[in-house]
Amino acid sequence: MLAADRTTVGYDLWQEGLTRAQAEKTVASYPLGKDLTCWHPPGKPHEAVLSRRLDWNWIFCGFLFVPFTSLCIFMTGFAVYIWPRRRDFHDR
């Protein structure tokens, strides 16, 4: 979604005289959550408005990934460090 927005705006700005690197830098610096407007010269009365909204799919994947990864790290640490010491403590 964001990549498609950047490509479209990069292409439009590049046609207006900016290099592709300058166009991509302009688009990347625009804040998230705002509408990105691509203006055309006075001879072209239309304008292209693109949205740079946050992609909720990444947030959803993060909610699934982070808890399970944290649980796996905790269980590994418990099995490697805490459980062997617990057995040694009872053997004394």
PDB file of N, CA and C in Angstrom:
ATOM      1  N   MET A   1       0.830  -1.196   0.000  1.00  0.00           N
ATOM      2  CA  MET A   1       0.000   0.000   0.000  1.00  0.00           C
ATOM      3  C   MET A   1       0.871   1.255   0.000  1.00  0.00           C
ATOM      4  N   LEU A   2       1.814   1.322   0.927  1.00  0.00           N
ATOM      5  CA  LEU A   2       2.690   2.483   1.003  1.00  0.00           C
ATOM      6  C   LEU A   2       3.645   2.510  -0.185  1.00  0.00           C
ATOM      7  N   ALA A   3       4.116   1.326  -0.578  1.00  0.00           N
ATOM      8  CA  ALA A   3       5.028   1.269  -1.720  1.00  0.00           C
ATOM      9  C   ALA A   3       4.326   1.742  -2.988  1.00  0.00           C
ATOM     10  N   ALA A   4       3.071   1.366  -3.141  1.00  0.00           N
ATOM     11  CA  ALA A   4       2.318   1.808  -4.320  1.00  0.00           C
ATOM     12  C   ALA A   4       2.142   3.324  -4.302  1.00  0.00           C
ATOM     13  N   ASP A   5       1.867   3.892  -3.115  1.00  0.00           N
ATOM     14  CA  ASP A   5       1.730   5.348  -3.010  1.00  0.00           C
ATOM     15  C   ASP A   5       3.030   6.039  -3.391  1.00  0.00           C
ATOM     16  N   ARG A   6       4.135   5.524  -2.896  1.00  0.00           N
ATOM     17  CA  ARG A   6       5.426   6.156  -3.180  1.00  0.00           C
ATOM     18  C   ARG A   6       5.753   6.077  -4.663  1.00  0.00           C
ATOM     19  N   THR A   7       5.471   4.941  -5.269  1.00  0.00           N
ATOM     20  CA  THR A   7       5.772   4.792  -6.692  1.00  0.00           C
ATOM     21  C   THR A   7       4.957   5.775  -7.522  1.00  0.00           C
ATOM     22  N   THR A   8       3.672   5.888  -7.226  1.00  0.00           N
ATOM     23  CA  THR A   8       2.798   6.775  -7.988  1.00  0.00           C
ATOM     24  C   THR A   8       3.238   8.223  -7.848  1.00  0.00           C
ATOM     25  N   VAL A   9       3.457   8.646  -6.607  1.00  0.00           N
ATOM     26  CA  VAL A   9       3.843  10.040  -6.396  1.00  0.00           C
ATOM     27  C   VAL A   9       5.226  10.301  -6.948  1.00  0.00           C
ATOM     28  N   GLY A  10       6.139   9.331  -6.768  1.00  0.00           N
ATOM     29  CA  GLY A  10       7.485   9.490  -7.314  1.00  0.00           C
ATOM     30  C   GLY A  10       7.447   9.680  -8.822  1.00  0.00           C
ATOM     31  N   TYR A  11       6.583   8.942  -9.486  1.00  0.00           N
ATOM     32  CA  TYR A  11       6.467   9.051 -10.936  1.00  0.00           C
ATOM     33  C   TYR A  11       5.892  10.408 -11.326  1.00  0.00           C
ATOM     34  N   ASP A  12       4.844  10.863 -10.632  1.00  0.00           N
ATOM     35  CA  ASP A  12       4.226  12.153 -10.959  1.00  0.00           C
ATOM     36  C   ASP A  12       5.203  13.305 -10.740  1.00  0.00           C
ATOM     37  N   LEU A  13       5.899  13.293  -9.607  1.00  0.00           N
ATOM     38  CA  LEU A  13       6.837  14.379  -9.336  1.00  0.00           C
ATOM     39  C   LEU A  13       8.028  14.322 -10.284  1.00  0.00           C
ATOM     40  N   TRP A  14       8.424  13.120 -10.664  1.00  0.00           N
ATOM     41  CA  TRP A  14       9.542  12.973 -11.584  1.00  0.00           C
ATOM     42  C   TRP A  14       9.185  13.579 -12.935  1.00  0.00           C
ATOM     43  N   GLN A  15       7.924  13.407 -13.349  1.00  0.00           N
ATOM     44  CA  GLN A  15       7.491  14.011 -14.609  1.00  0.00           C
ATOM     45  C   GLN A  15       7.500  15.534 -14.515  1.00  0.00           C
ATOM     46  N   GLU A  16       7.366  16.059 -13.307  1.00  0.00           N
ATOM     47  CA  GLU A  16       7.321  17.518 -13.152  1.00  0.00           C
ATOM     48  C   GLU A  16       8.709  18.136 -13.036  1.00  0.00           C
ATOM     49  N   GLY A  17       9.771  17.354 -13.147  1.00  0.00           N
ATOM     50  CA  GLY A  17      11.110  17.924 -13.171  1.00  0.00           C
ATOM     51  C   GLY A  17      12.006  17.518 -12.017  1.00  0.00           C
ATOM     52  N   LEU A  18      11.500  16.809 -11.029  1.00  0.00           N
ATOM     53  CA  LEU A  18      12.352  16.328  -9.946  1.00  0.00           C
ATOM     54  C   LEU A  18      12.979  14.995 -10.341  1.00  0.00           C
ATOM     55  N   THR A  19      14.134  14.716  -9.762  1.00  0.00           N
ATOM     56  CA  THR A  19      14.699  13.386  -9.977  1.00  0.00           C
ATOM     57  C   THR A  19      13.903  12.387  -9.150  1.00  0.00           C
ATOM     58  N   ARG A  20      14.052  11.115  -9.458  1.00  0.00           N
ATOM     59  CA  ARG A  20      13.316  10.084  -8.717  1.00  0.00           C
ATOM     60  C   ARG A  20      13.738  10.077  -7.247  1.00  0.00           C
ATOM     61  N   ALA A  21      15.025  10.269  -6.980  1.00  0.00           N
ATOM     62  CA  ALA A  21      15.500  10.286  -5.590  1.00  0.00           C
ATOM     63  C   ALA A  21      14.880  11.455  -4.821  1.00  0.00           C
ATOM     64  N   GLN A  22      14.800  12.630  -5.453  1.00  0.00           N
ATOM     65  CA  GLN A  22      14.190  13.794  -4.793  1.00  0.00           C
ATOM     66  C   GLN A  22      12.706  13.553  -4.542  1.00  0.00           C
ATOM     67  N   ALA A  23      12.028  12.942  -5.507  1.00  0.00           N
ATOM     68  CA  ALA A  23      10.599  12.676  -5.352  1.00  0.00           C
ATOM     69  C   ALA A  23      10.358  11.682  -4.222  1.00  0.00           C
ATOM     70  N   GLU A  24      11.155  10.606  -4.161  1.00  0.00           N
ATOM     71  CA  GLU A  24      10.988   9.616  -3.100  1.00  0.00           C
ATOM     72  C   GLU A  24      11.300  10.215  -1.736  1.00  0.00           C
ATOM     73  N   LYS A  25      12.300  11.096  -1.682  1.00  0.00           N
ATOM     74  CA  LYS A  25      12.638  11.750  -0.412  1.00  0.00           C
ATOM     75  C   LYS A  25      11.495  12.666   0.037  1.00  0.00           C
ATOM     76  N   THR A  26      10.892  13.370  -0.894  1.00  0.00           N
ATOM     77  CA  THR A  26       9.760  14.245  -0.568  1.00  0.00           C
ATOM     78  C   THR A  26       8.592  13.441  -0.018  1.00  0.00           C
ATOM     79  N   VAL A  27       8.287  12.328  -0.659  1.00  0.00           N
ATOM     80  CA  VAL A  27       7.166  11.502  -0.218  1.00  0.00           C
ATOM     81  C   VAL A  27       7.465  10.852   1.124  1.00  0.00           C
ATOM     82  N   ALA A  28       8.686  10.359   1.311  1.00  0.00           N
ATOM     83  CA  ALA A  28       9.042   9.679   2.563  1.00  0.00           C
ATOM     84  C   ALA A  28       9.028  10.634   3.746  1.00  0.00           C
ATOM     85  N   SER A  29       9.301  11.921   3.515  1.00  0.00           N
ATOM     86  CA  SER A  29       9.346  12.879   4.623  1.00  0.00           C
ATOM     87  C   SER A  29       7.961  13.383   5.025  1.00  0.00           C
ATOM     88  N   TYR A  30       6.944  13.045   4.247  1.00  0.00           N
ATOM     89  CA  TYR A  30       5.599  13.521   4.569  1.00  0.00           C
ATOM     90  C   TYR A  30       5.054  12.735   5.753  1.00  0.00           C
ATOM     91  N   PRO A  31       4.421  13.383   6.727  1.00  0.00           N
ATOM     92  CA  PRO A  31       3.983  12.670   7.937  1.00  0.00           C
ATOM     93  C   PRO A  31       2.882  11.647   7.669  1.00  0.00           C
ATOM     94  N   LEU A  32       2.918  10.560   8.442  1.00  0.00           N
ATOM     95  CA  LEU A  32       1.882   9.531   8.334  1.00  0.00           C
ATOM     96  C   LEU A  32       0.557  10.067   8.848  1.00  0.00           C
ATOM     97  N   GLY A  33      -0.524   9.545   8.321  1.00  0.00           N
ATOM     98  CA  GLY A  33      -1.845   9.922   8.788  1.00  0.00           C
ATOM     99  C   GLY A  33      -2.405  11.168   8.134  1.00  0.00           C
ATOM    100  N   LYS A  34      -1.638  11.817   7.293  1.00  0.00           N
ATOM    101  CA  LYS A  34      -2.106  13.016   6.589  1.00  0.00           C
ATOM    102  C   LYS A  34      -2.332  12.666   5.125  1.00  0.00           C
ATOM    103  N   ASP A  35      -3.116  13.473   4.437  1.00  0.00           N
ATOM    104  CA  ASP A  35      -3.294  13.272   3.000  1.00  0.00           C
ATOM    105  C   ASP A  35      -2.106  13.870   2.266  1.00  0.00           C
ATOM    106  N   LEU A  36      -1.592  13.124   1.318  1.00  0.00           N
ATOM    107  CA  LEU A  36      -0.463  13.588   0.518  1.00  0.00           C
ATOM    108  C   LEU A  36      -1.013  14.089  -0.813  1.00  0.00           C
ATOM    109  N   THR A  37      -0.838  15.367  -1.097  1.00  0.00           N
ATOM    110  CA  THR A  37      -1.363  15.951  -2.325  1.00  0.00           C
ATOM    111  C   THR A  37      -0.231  16.152  -3.318  1.00  0.00           C
ATOM    112  N   CYS A  38      -0.426  15.665  -4.515  1.00  0.00           N
ATOM    113  CA  CYS A  38       0.556  15.841  -5.578  1.00  0.00           C
ATOM    114  C   CYS A  38       0.016  16.891  -6.543  1.00  0.00           C
ATOM    115  N   TRP A  39       0.586  18.083  -6.513  1.00  0.00           N
ATOM    116  CA  TRP A  39       0.103  19.173  -7.361  1.00  0.00           C
ATOM    117  C   TRP A  39       0.710  19.081  -8.742  1.00  0.00           C
ATOM    118  N   HIS A  40      -0.048  19.506  -9.724  1.00  0.00           N
ATOM    119  CA  HIS A  40       0.426  19.544 -11.102  1.00  0.00           C
ATOM    120  C   HIS A  40       0.544  21.005 -11.536  1.00  0.00           C
ATOM    121  N   PRO A  41       1.243  21.278 -12.619  1.00  0.00           N
ATOM    122  CA  PRO A  41       1.389  22.662 -13.092  1.00  0.00           C
ATOM    123  C   PRO A  41       0.033  23.294 -13.422  1.00  0.00           C
ATOM    124  N   PRO A  42      -0.030  24.625 -13.535  1.00  0.00           N
ATOM    125  CA  PRO A  42      -1.302  25.306 -13.806  1.00  0.00           C
ATOM    126  C   PRO A  42      -1.998  24.828 -15.078  1.00  0.00           C
ATOM    127  N   GLY A  43      -1.270  24.295 -16.034  1.00  0.00           N
ATOM    128  CA  GLY A  43      -1.888  23.798 -17.261  1.00  0.00           C
ATOM    129  C   GLY A  43      -2.714  22.539 -17.038  1.00  0.00           C
ATOM    130  N   LYS A  44      -2.493  21.868 -15.902  1.00  0.00           N
ATOM    131  CA  LYS A  44      -3.244  20.642 -15.570  1.00  0.00           C
ATOM    132  C   LYS A  44      -4.077  20.930 -14.328  1.00  0.00           C
ATOM    133  N   PRO A  45      -5.367  21.138 -14.481  1.00  0.00           N
ATOM    134  CA  PRO A  45      -6.186  21.558 -13.344  1.00  0.00           C
ATOM    135  C   PRO A  45      -6.431  20.473 -12.297  1.00  0.00           C
ATOM    136  N   HIS A  46      -6.189  19.206 -12.648  1.00  0.00           N
ATOM    137  CA  HIS A  46      -6.491  18.151 -11.678  1.00  0.00           C
ATOM    138  C   HIS A  46      -5.332  17.993 -10.685  1.00  0.00           C
ATOM    139  N   GLU A  47      -5.596  17.307  -9.614  1.00  0.00           N
ATOM    140  CA  GLU A  47      -4.553  16.973  -8.645  1.00  0.00           C
ATOM    141  C   GLU A  47      -4.771  15.535  -8.185  1.00  0.00           C
ATOM    142  N   ALA A  48      -3.717  14.895  -7.781  1.00  0.00           N
ATOM    143  CA  ALA A  48      -3.805  13.518  -7.291  1.00  0.00           C
ATOM    144  C   ALA A  48      -3.602  13.532  -5.783  1.00  0.00           C
ATOM    145  N   VAL A  49      -4.571  13.058  -5.042  1.00  0.00           N
ATOM    146  CA  VAL A  49      -4.463  13.008  -3.584  1.00  0.00           C
ATOM    147  C   VAL A  49      -4.274  11.559  -3.176  1.00  0.00           C
ATOM    148  N   LEU A  50      -3.180  11.286  -2.499  1.00  0.00           N
ATOM    149  CA  LEU A  50      -2.885   9.936  -2.043  1.00  0.00           C
ATOM    150  C   LEU A  50      -2.857   9.910  -0.527  1.00  0.00           C
ATOM    151  N   SER A  51      -3.258   8.819   0.045  1.00  0.00           N
ATOM    152  CA  SER A  51      -3.302   8.677   1.497  1.00  0.00           C
ATOM    153  C   SER A  51      -2.069   7.926   1.975  1.00  0.00           C
ATOM    154  N   ARG A  52      -1.429   8.439   3.011  1.00  0.00           N
ATOM    155  CA  ARG A  52      -0.313   7.738   3.637  1.00  0.00           C
ATOM    156  C   ARG A  52      -0.752   7.286   5.018  1.00  0.00           C
ATOM    157  N   ARG A  53      -1.846   6.547   5.076  1.00  0.00           N
ATOM    158  CA  ARG A  53      -2.324   6.025   6.356  1.00  0.00           C
ATOM    159  C   ARG A  53      -1.432   4.878   6.806  1.00  0.00           C
ATOM    160  N   LEU A  54      -1.444   4.632   8.110  1.00  0.00           N
ATOM    161  CA  LEU A  54      -0.678   3.533   8.672  1.00  0.00           C
ATOM    162  C   LEU A  54      -1.307   2.213   8.243  1.00  0.00           C
ATOM    163  N   ASP A  55      -0.495   1.264   7.841  1.00  0.00           N
ATOM    164  CA  ASP A  55      -0.999  -0.028   7.391  1.00  0.00           C
ATOM    165  C   ASP A  55      -1.308  -0.896   8.610  1.00  0.00           C
ATOM    166  N   TRP A  56      -2.591  -1.140   8.864  1.00  0.00           N
ATOM    167  CA  TRP A  56      -3.023  -1.878  10.057  1.00  0.00           C
ATOM    168  C   TRP A  56      -2.639  -3.341  10.003  1.00  0.00           C
ATOM    169  N   ASN A  57      -2.339  -3.867   8.824  1.00  0.00           N
ATOM    170  CA  ASN A  57      -1.916  -5.269   8.742  1.00  0.00           C
ATOM    171  C   ASN A  57      -0.616  -5.499   9.497  1.00  0.00           C
ATOM    172  N   TRP A  58       0.301  -4.546   9.447  1.00  0.00           N
ATOM    173  CA  TRP A  58       1.571  -4.694  10.167  1.00  0.00           C
ATOM    174  C   TRP A  58       1.344  -4.669  11.671  1.00  0.00           C
ATOM    175  N   ILE A  59       0.427  -3.840  12.121  1.00  0.00           N
ATOM    176  CA  ILE A  59       0.128  -3.782  13.554  1.00  0.00           C
ATOM    177  C   ILE A  59      -0.516  -5.086  14.003  1.00  0.00           C
ATOM    178  N   PHE A  60      -1.429  -5.619  13.207  1.00  0.00           N
ATOM    179  CA  PHE A  60      -2.075  -6.885  13.540  1.00  0.00           C
ATOM    180  C   PHE A  60      -1.049  -8.014  13.617  1.00  0.00           C
ATOM    181  N   CYS A  61      -0.133  -8.062  12.664  1.00  0.00           N
ATOM    182  CA  CYS A  61       0.919  -9.089  12.690  1.00  0.00           C
ATOM    183  C   CYS A  61       1.812  -8.915  13.915  1.00  0.00           C
ATOM    184  N   GLY A  62       2.067  -7.678  14.303  1.00  0.00           N
ATOM    185  CA  GLY A  62       2.869  -7.433  15.502  1.00  0.00           C
ATOM    186  C   GLY A  62       2.192  -7.946  16.751  1.00  0.00           C
ATOM    187  N   PHE A  63       0.871  -7.767  16.849  1.00  0.00           N
ATOM    188  CA  PHE A  63       0.138  -8.278  18.012  1.00  0.00           C
ATOM    189  C   PHE A  63       0.190  -9.803  18.075  1.00  0.00           C
ATOM    190  N   LEU A  64       0.281 -10.467  16.942  1.00  0.00           N
ATOM    191  CA  LEU A  64       0.403 -11.919  16.939  1.00  0.00           C
ATOM    192  C   LEU A  64       1.839 -12.367  17.197  1.00  0.00           C
ATOM    193  N   PHE A  65       2.795 -11.651  16.642  1.00  0.00           N
ATOM    194  CA  PHE A  65       4.191 -12.072  16.685  1.00  0.00           C
ATOM    195  C   PHE A  65       4.848 -11.811  18.039  1.00  0.00           C
ATOM    196  N   VAL A  66       4.658 -10.631  18.593  1.00  0.00           N
ATOM    197  CA  VAL A  66       5.374 -10.225  19.806  1.00  0.00           C
ATOM    198  C   VAL A  66       5.042 -11.096  21.018  1.00  0.00           C
ATOM    199  N   PRO A  67       3.786 -11.375  21.346  1.00  0.00           N
ATOM    200  CA  PRO A  67       3.520 -12.188  22.543  1.00  0.00           C
ATOM    201  C   PRO A  67       4.080 -13.607  22.445  1.00  0.00           C
ATOM    202  N   PHE A  68       3.947 -14.238  21.292  1.00  0.00           N
ATOM    203  CA  PHE A  68       4.434 -15.607  21.160  1.00  0.00           C
ATOM    204  C   PHE A  68       5.959 -15.659  21.174  1.00  0.00           C
ATOM    205  N   THR A  69       6.595 -14.675  20.581  1.00  0.00           N
ATOM    206  CA  THR A  69       8.051 -14.621  20.619  1.00  0.00           C
ATOM    207  C   THR A  69       8.535 -14.384  22.042  1.00  0.00           C
ATOM    208  N   SER A  70       7.880 -13.488  22.758  1.00  0.00           N
ATOM    209  CA  SER A  70       8.249 -13.228  24.150  1.00  0.00           C
ATOM    210  C   SER A  70       8.070 -14.479  25.002  1.00  0.00           C
ATOM    211  N   LEU A  71       6.994 -15.197  24.795  1.00  0.00           N
ATOM    212  CA  LEU A  71       6.750 -16.425  25.543  1.00  0.00           C
ATOM    213  C   LEU A  71       7.825 -17.471  25.250  1.00  0.00           C
ATOM    214  N   CYS A  72       8.214 -17.615  24.000  1.00  0.00           N
ATOM    215  CA  CYS A  72       9.263 -18.579  23.640  1.00  0.00           C
ATOM    216  C   CYS A  72      10.597 -18.206  24.273  1.00  0.00           C
ATOM    217  N   ILE A  73      10.940 -16.937  24.273  1.00  0.00           N
ATOM    218  CA  ILE A  73      12.192 -16.494  24.890  1.00  0.00           C
ATOM    219  C   ILE A  73      12.155 -16.742  26.389  1.00  0.00           C
ATOM    220  N   PHE A  74      11.034 -16.444  27.027  1.00  0.00           N
ATOM    221  CA  PHE A  74      10.906 -16.677  28.465  1.00  0.00           C
ATOM    222  C   PHE A  74      11.029 -18.167  28.785  1.00  0.00           C
ATOM    223  N   MET A  75      10.350 -19.020  28.012  1.00  0.00           N
ATOM    224  CA  MET A  75      10.399 -20.461  28.288  1.00  0.00           C
ATOM    225  C   MET A  75      11.807 -21.015  28.077  1.00  0.00           C
ATOM    226  N   THR A  76      12.515 -20.520  27.078  1.00  0.00           N
ATOM    227  CA  THR A  76      13.890 -20.963  26.851  1.00  0.00           C
ATOM    228  C   THR A  76      14.787 -20.528  28.005  1.00  0.00           C
ATOM    229  N   GLY A  77      14.659 -19.288  28.420  1.00  0.00           N
ATOM    230  CA  GLY A  77      15.448 -18.807  29.560  1.00  0.00           C
ATOM    231  C   GLY A  77      15.138 -19.571  30.831  1.00  0.00           C
ATOM    232  N   PHE A  78      13.885 -19.865  31.052  1.00  0.00           N
ATOM    233  CA  PHE A  78      13.495 -20.629  32.241  1.00  0.00           C
ATOM    234  C   PHE A  78      14.106 -22.023  32.203  1.00  0.00           C
ATOM    235  N   ALA A  79      14.039 -22.686  31.042  1.00  0.00           N
ATOM    236  CA  ALA A  79      14.556 -24.050  30.921  1.00  0.00           C
ATOM    237  C   ALA A  79      16.073 -24.104  31.032  1.00  0.00           C
ATOM    238  N   VAL A  80      16.757 -23.088  30.539  1.00  0.00           N
ATOM    239  CA  VAL A  80      18.221 -23.118  30.528  1.00  0.00           C
ATOM    240  C   VAL A  80      18.811 -22.625  31.842  1.00  0.00           C
ATOM    241  N   TYR A  81      18.247 -21.594  32.447  1.00  0.00           N
ATOM    242  CA  TYR A  81      18.868 -20.976  33.619  1.00  0.00           C
ATOM    243  C   TYR A  81      18.174 -21.309  34.937  1.00  0.00           C
ATOM    244  N   ILE A  82      16.877 -21.208  35.007  1.00  0.00           N
ATOM    245  CA  ILE A  82      16.183 -21.313  36.290  1.00  0.00           C
ATOM    246  C   ILE A  82      15.946 -22.770  36.686  1.00  0.00           C
ATOM    247  N   TRP A  83      15.483 -23.596  35.790  1.00  0.00           N
ATOM    248  CA  TRP A  83      15.136 -24.974  36.145  1.00  0.00           C
ATOM    249  C   TRP A  83      16.351 -25.781  36.621  1.00  0.00           C
ATOM    250  N   PRO A  84      17.516 -25.713  35.944  1.00  0.00           N
ATOM    251  CA  PRO A  84      18.674 -26.461  36.463  1.00  0.00           C
ATOM    252  C   PRO A  84      19.116 -25.975  37.850  1.00  0.00           C
ATOM    253  N   ARG A  85      19.067 -24.702  38.112  1.00  0.00           N
ATOM    254  CA  ARG A  85      19.451 -24.178  39.428  1.00  0.00           C
ATOM    255  C   ARG A  85      18.464 -24.627  40.494  1.00  0.00           C
ATOM    256  N   ARG A  86      17.222 -24.749  40.129  1.00  0.00           N
ATOM    257  CA  ARG A  86      16.206 -25.201  41.079  1.00  0.00           C
ATOM    258  C   ARG A  86      16.506 -26.624  41.528  1.00  0.00           C
ATOM    259  N   ARG A  87      16.886 -27.499  40.597  1.00  0.00           N
ATOM    260  CA  ARG A  87      17.231 -28.877  40.955  1.00  0.00           C
ATOM    261  C   ARG A  87      18.473 -28.924  41.830  1.00  0.00           C
ATOM    262  N   ASP A  88      19.481 -28.111  41.482  1.00  0.00           N
ATOM    263  CA  ASP A  88      20.711 -28.078  42.285  1.00  0.00           C
ATOM    264  C   ASP A  88      20.427 -27.586  43.688  1.00  0.00           C
ATOM    265  N   PHE A  89      19.515 -26.645  43.838  1.00  0.00           N
ATOM    266  CA  PHE A  89      19.191 -26.098  45.156  1.00  0.00           C
ATOM    267  C   PHE A  89      18.575 -27.172  46.049  1.00  0.00           C
ATOM    268  N   HIS A  90      17.725 -28.034  45.482  1.00  0.00           N
ATOM    269  CA  HIS A  90      17.072 -29.079  46.279  1.00  0.00           C
ATOM    270  C   HIS A  90      18.012 -30.234  46.594  1.00  0.00           C
ATOM    271  N   ASP A  91      19.073 -30.399  45.821  1.00  0.00           N
ATOM    272  CA  ASP A  91      20.014 -31.496  46.073  1.00  0.00           C
ATOM    273  C   ASP A  91      20.964 -31.192  47.217  1.00  0.00           C
ATOM    274  N   ARG A  92      21.049 -29.977  47.676  1.00  0.00           N
ATOM    275  CA  ARG A  92      21.990 -29.613  48.741  1.00  0.00           C
ATOM    276  C   ARG A  92      21.610 -30.201  50.053  1.00  0.00           C
TER     277      ARG A  92
END
